[in-house]
C-alpha atoms as a PDB file:
ATOM      1  CA  MET A   1    -178.013 -34.297  16.572  1.00  0.00           C
ATOM      2  CA  CYS A   2    -176.331 -31.989  19.047  1.00  0.00           C
ATOM      3  CA  ASP A   3    -176.735 -28.272  18.437  1.00  0.00           C
ATOM      4  CA  GLN A   4    -173.683 -27.478  20.580  1.00  0.00           C
ATOM      5  CA  GLN A   5    -170.940 -25.771  18.590  1.00  0.00           C
ATOM      6  CA  ASN A   6    -167.556 -27.510  18.354  1.00  0.00           C
ATOM      7  CA  LEU A   7    -164.902 -25.285  19.925  1.00  0.00           C
ATOM      8  CA  THR A   8    -161.119 -25.294  20.051  1.00  0.00           C
ATOM      9  CA  ILE A   9    -159.187 -26.206  23.149  1.00  0.00           C
ATOM     10  CA  GLY A  10    -156.371 -23.980  24.395  1.00  0.00           C
ATOM     11  CA  LEU A  11    -153.110 -25.141  22.851  1.00  0.00           C
ATOM     12  CA  ASP A  12    -149.664 -23.608  23.351  1.00  0.00           C
ATOM     13  CA  PHE A  13    -147.101 -23.801  20.552  1.00  0.00           C
ATOM     14  CA  CYS A  14    -143.795 -22.361  19.347  1.00  0.00           C
ATOM     15  CA  LYS A  15    -141.711 -23.382  22.343  1.00  0.00           C
ATOM     16  CA  ILE A  16    -138.448 -21.504  22.746  1.00  0.00           C
ATOM     17  CA  ARG A  17    -136.152 -21.985  25.729  1.00  0.00           C
ATOM     18  CA  GLY A  18    -138.859 -23.796  27.665  1.00  0.00           C
ATOM     19  CA  GLN A  19    -141.576 -21.180  27.127  1.00  0.00           C
ATOM     20  CA  HIS A  20    -144.411 -21.063  24.602  1.00  0.00           C
ATOM     21  CA  LEU A  21    -144.704 -17.854  22.602  1.00  0.00           C
ATOM     22  CA  PHE A  22    -148.160 -18.427  21.128  1.00  0.00           C
ATOM     23  CA  GLN A  23    -151.474 -20.086  21.966  1.00  0.00           C
ATOM     24  CA  VAL A  24    -154.640 -21.093  20.171  1.00  0.00           C
ATOM     25  CA  ASN A  25    -157.378 -19.708  22.394  1.00  0.00           C
ATOM     26  CA  THR A  26    -159.998 -21.900  24.024  1.00  0.00           C
ATOM     27  CA  GLY A  27    -163.554 -21.499  22.767  1.00  0.00           C
ATOM     28  CA  VAL A  28    -162.963 -20.456  19.155  1.00  0.00           C
ATOM     29  CA  PRO A  29    -165.445 -22.156  16.806  1.00  0.00           C
ATOM     30  CA  ALA A  30    -163.591 -25.091  15.229  1.00  0.00           C
ATOM     31  CA  LYS A  31    -164.989 -24.169  11.798  1.00  0.00           C
ATOM     32  CA  LEU A  32    -163.382 -20.716  11.990  1.00  0.00           C
ATOM     33  CA  ALA A  33    -160.064 -22.162  13.189  1.00  0.00           C
ATOM     34  CA  LEU A  34    -160.038 -24.642  10.295  1.00  0.00           C
ATOM     35  CA  GLU A  35    -160.927 -21.918   7.778  1.00  0.00           C
ATOM     36  CA  HIS A  36    -157.981 -19.844   9.035  1.00  0.00           C
ATOM     37  CA  ALA A  37    -155.735 -22.929   8.876  1.00  0.00           C
ATOM     38  CA  SER A  38    -156.792 -23.374   5.250  1.00  0.00           C
ATOM     39  CA  ASP A  39    -155.886 -19.755   4.479  1.00  0.00           C
ATOM     40  CA  LEU A  40    -152.473 -20.219   6.091  1.00  0.00           C
ATOM     41  CA  LEU A  41    -151.920 -23.410   4.084  1.00  0.00           C
ATOM     42  CA  GLU A  42    -152.586 -21.444   0.889  1.00  0.00           C
ATOM     43  CA  VAL A  43    -149.829 -18.995   1.854  1.00  0.00           C
ATOM     44  CA  ILE A  44    -147.504 -21.883   2.755  1.00  0.00           C
ATOM     45  CA  ASN A  45    -148.173 -23.465  -0.632  1.00  0.00           C
ATOM     46  CA  GLY A  46    -147.179 -20.287  -2.468  1.00  0.00           C
ATOM     47  CA  LEU A  47    -144.057 -19.794  -0.374  1.00  0.00           C
ATOM     48  CA  SER A  48    -143.066 -23.429  -0.831  1.00  0.00           C
ATOM     49  CA  GLN A  49    -143.277 -23.039  -4.587  1.00  0.00           C
ATOM     50  CA  THR A  50    -141.087 -19.934  -4.426  1.00  0.00           C
ATOM     51  CA  VAL A  51    -138.496 -21.788  -2.343  1.00  0.00           C
ATOM     52  CA  ALA A  52    -138.638 -24.857  -4.615  1.00  0.00           C
ATOM     53  CA  MET A  53    -138.072 -22.742  -7.729  1.00  0.00           C
ATOM     54  CA  GLU A  54    -135.092 -21.099  -5.967  1.00  0.00           C
ATOM     55  CA  LEU A  55    -136.620 -17.639  -6.257  1.00  0.00           C
ATOM     56  CA  ALA A  56    -136.522 -17.099  -2.498  1.00  0.00           C
ATOM     57  CA  HIS A  57    -134.211 -14.627  -0.804  1.00  0.00           C
ATOM     58  CA  GLY A  58    -133.812 -16.502   2.491  1.00  0.00           C
ATOM     59  CA  GLY A  59    -136.742 -15.546   4.693  1.00  0.00           C
ATOM     60  CA  GLU A  60    -139.347 -17.556   2.854  1.00  0.00           C
ATOM     61  CA  SER A  61    -138.164 -20.916   4.164  1.00  0.00           C
ATOM     62  CA  PHE A  62    -138.428 -19.658   7.753  1.00  0.00           C
ATOM     63  CA  ALA A  63    -141.901 -18.286   7.017  1.00  0.00           C
ATOM     64  CA  VAL A  64    -142.978 -21.700   5.705  1.00  0.00           C
ATOM     65  CA  TYR A  65    -141.665 -23.352   8.867  1.00  0.00           C
ATOM     66  CA  HIS A  66    -143.423 -20.967  11.281  1.00  0.00           C
ATOM     67  CA  LEU A  67    -146.690 -20.792   9.322  1.00  0.00           C
ATOM     68  CA  SER A  68    -146.875 -24.584   9.158  1.00  0.00           C
ATOM     69  CA  GLU A  69    -146.398 -24.705  12.942  1.00  0.00           C
ATOM     70  CA  MET A  70    -149.364 -22.325  13.309  1.00  0.00           C
ATOM     71  CA  VAL A  71    -151.515 -24.442  11.001  1.00  0.00           C
ATOM     72  CA  LYS A  72    -150.688 -27.609  12.936  1.00  0.00           C
ATOM     73  CA  ALA A  73    -151.669 -25.938  16.217  1.00  0.00           C
ATOM     74  CA  LEU A  74    -154.967 -24.704  14.744  1.00  0.00           C
ATOM     75  CA  VAL A  75    -155.869 -28.098  13.319  1.00  0.00           C
ATOM     76  CA  ASP A  76    -154.852 -29.921  16.524  1.00  0.00           C
ATOM     77  CA  ALA A  77    -156.848 -27.512  18.716  1.00  0.00           C
ATOM     78  CA  ALA A  78    -159.909 -27.747  16.477  1.00  0.00           C
ATOM     79  CA  ALA A  79    -159.726 -31.550  16.277  1.00  0.00           C
ATOM     80  CA  ALA A  80    -159.362 -31.850  20.052  1.00  0.00           C
ATOM     81  CA  GLY A  81    -162.563 -29.838  20.467  1.00  0.00           C
ATOM     82  CA  LEU A  82    -164.600 -32.202  18.300  1.00  0.00           C
ATOM     83  CA  PRO A  83    -166.717 -34.960  19.816  1.00  0.00           C
ATOM     84  CA  ASP A  84    -165.038 -38.381  19.743  1.00  0.00           C
ATOM     85  CA  SER A  85    -165.921 -40.852  17.000  1.00  0.00           C
ATOM     86  CA  ALA A  86    -168.211 -42.767  19.361  1.00  0.00           C
ATOM     87  CA  GLY A  87    -170.517 -39.753  19.489  1.00  0.00           C
ATOM     88  CA  GLY A  88    -169.513 -38.647  22.971  1.00  0.00           C
ATOM     89  CA  ASP A  89    -169.282 -35.118  24.226  1.00  0.00           C
ATOM     90  CA  GLN A  90    -166.181 -32.949  24.038  1.00  0.00           C
END
């Protein structure tokens, strides 16, 4: 078994007018990135429930959209840093 830590790749996201506003940094331990993604998903879940129950005041739906974009970038960057299924290196 390899003792090398799985790390994220650099991944730009939130493209506006041809430029990316944010980036997942290269070299973050994938486990930490996925833990943060899980925390963000918990917030998204709560906001989604608020929107679904029509208790929102307008901003919550935009927060759900942007937070889910962050989670996708974290998961994609962490997954890309994992060894392939054939057991190869990163």
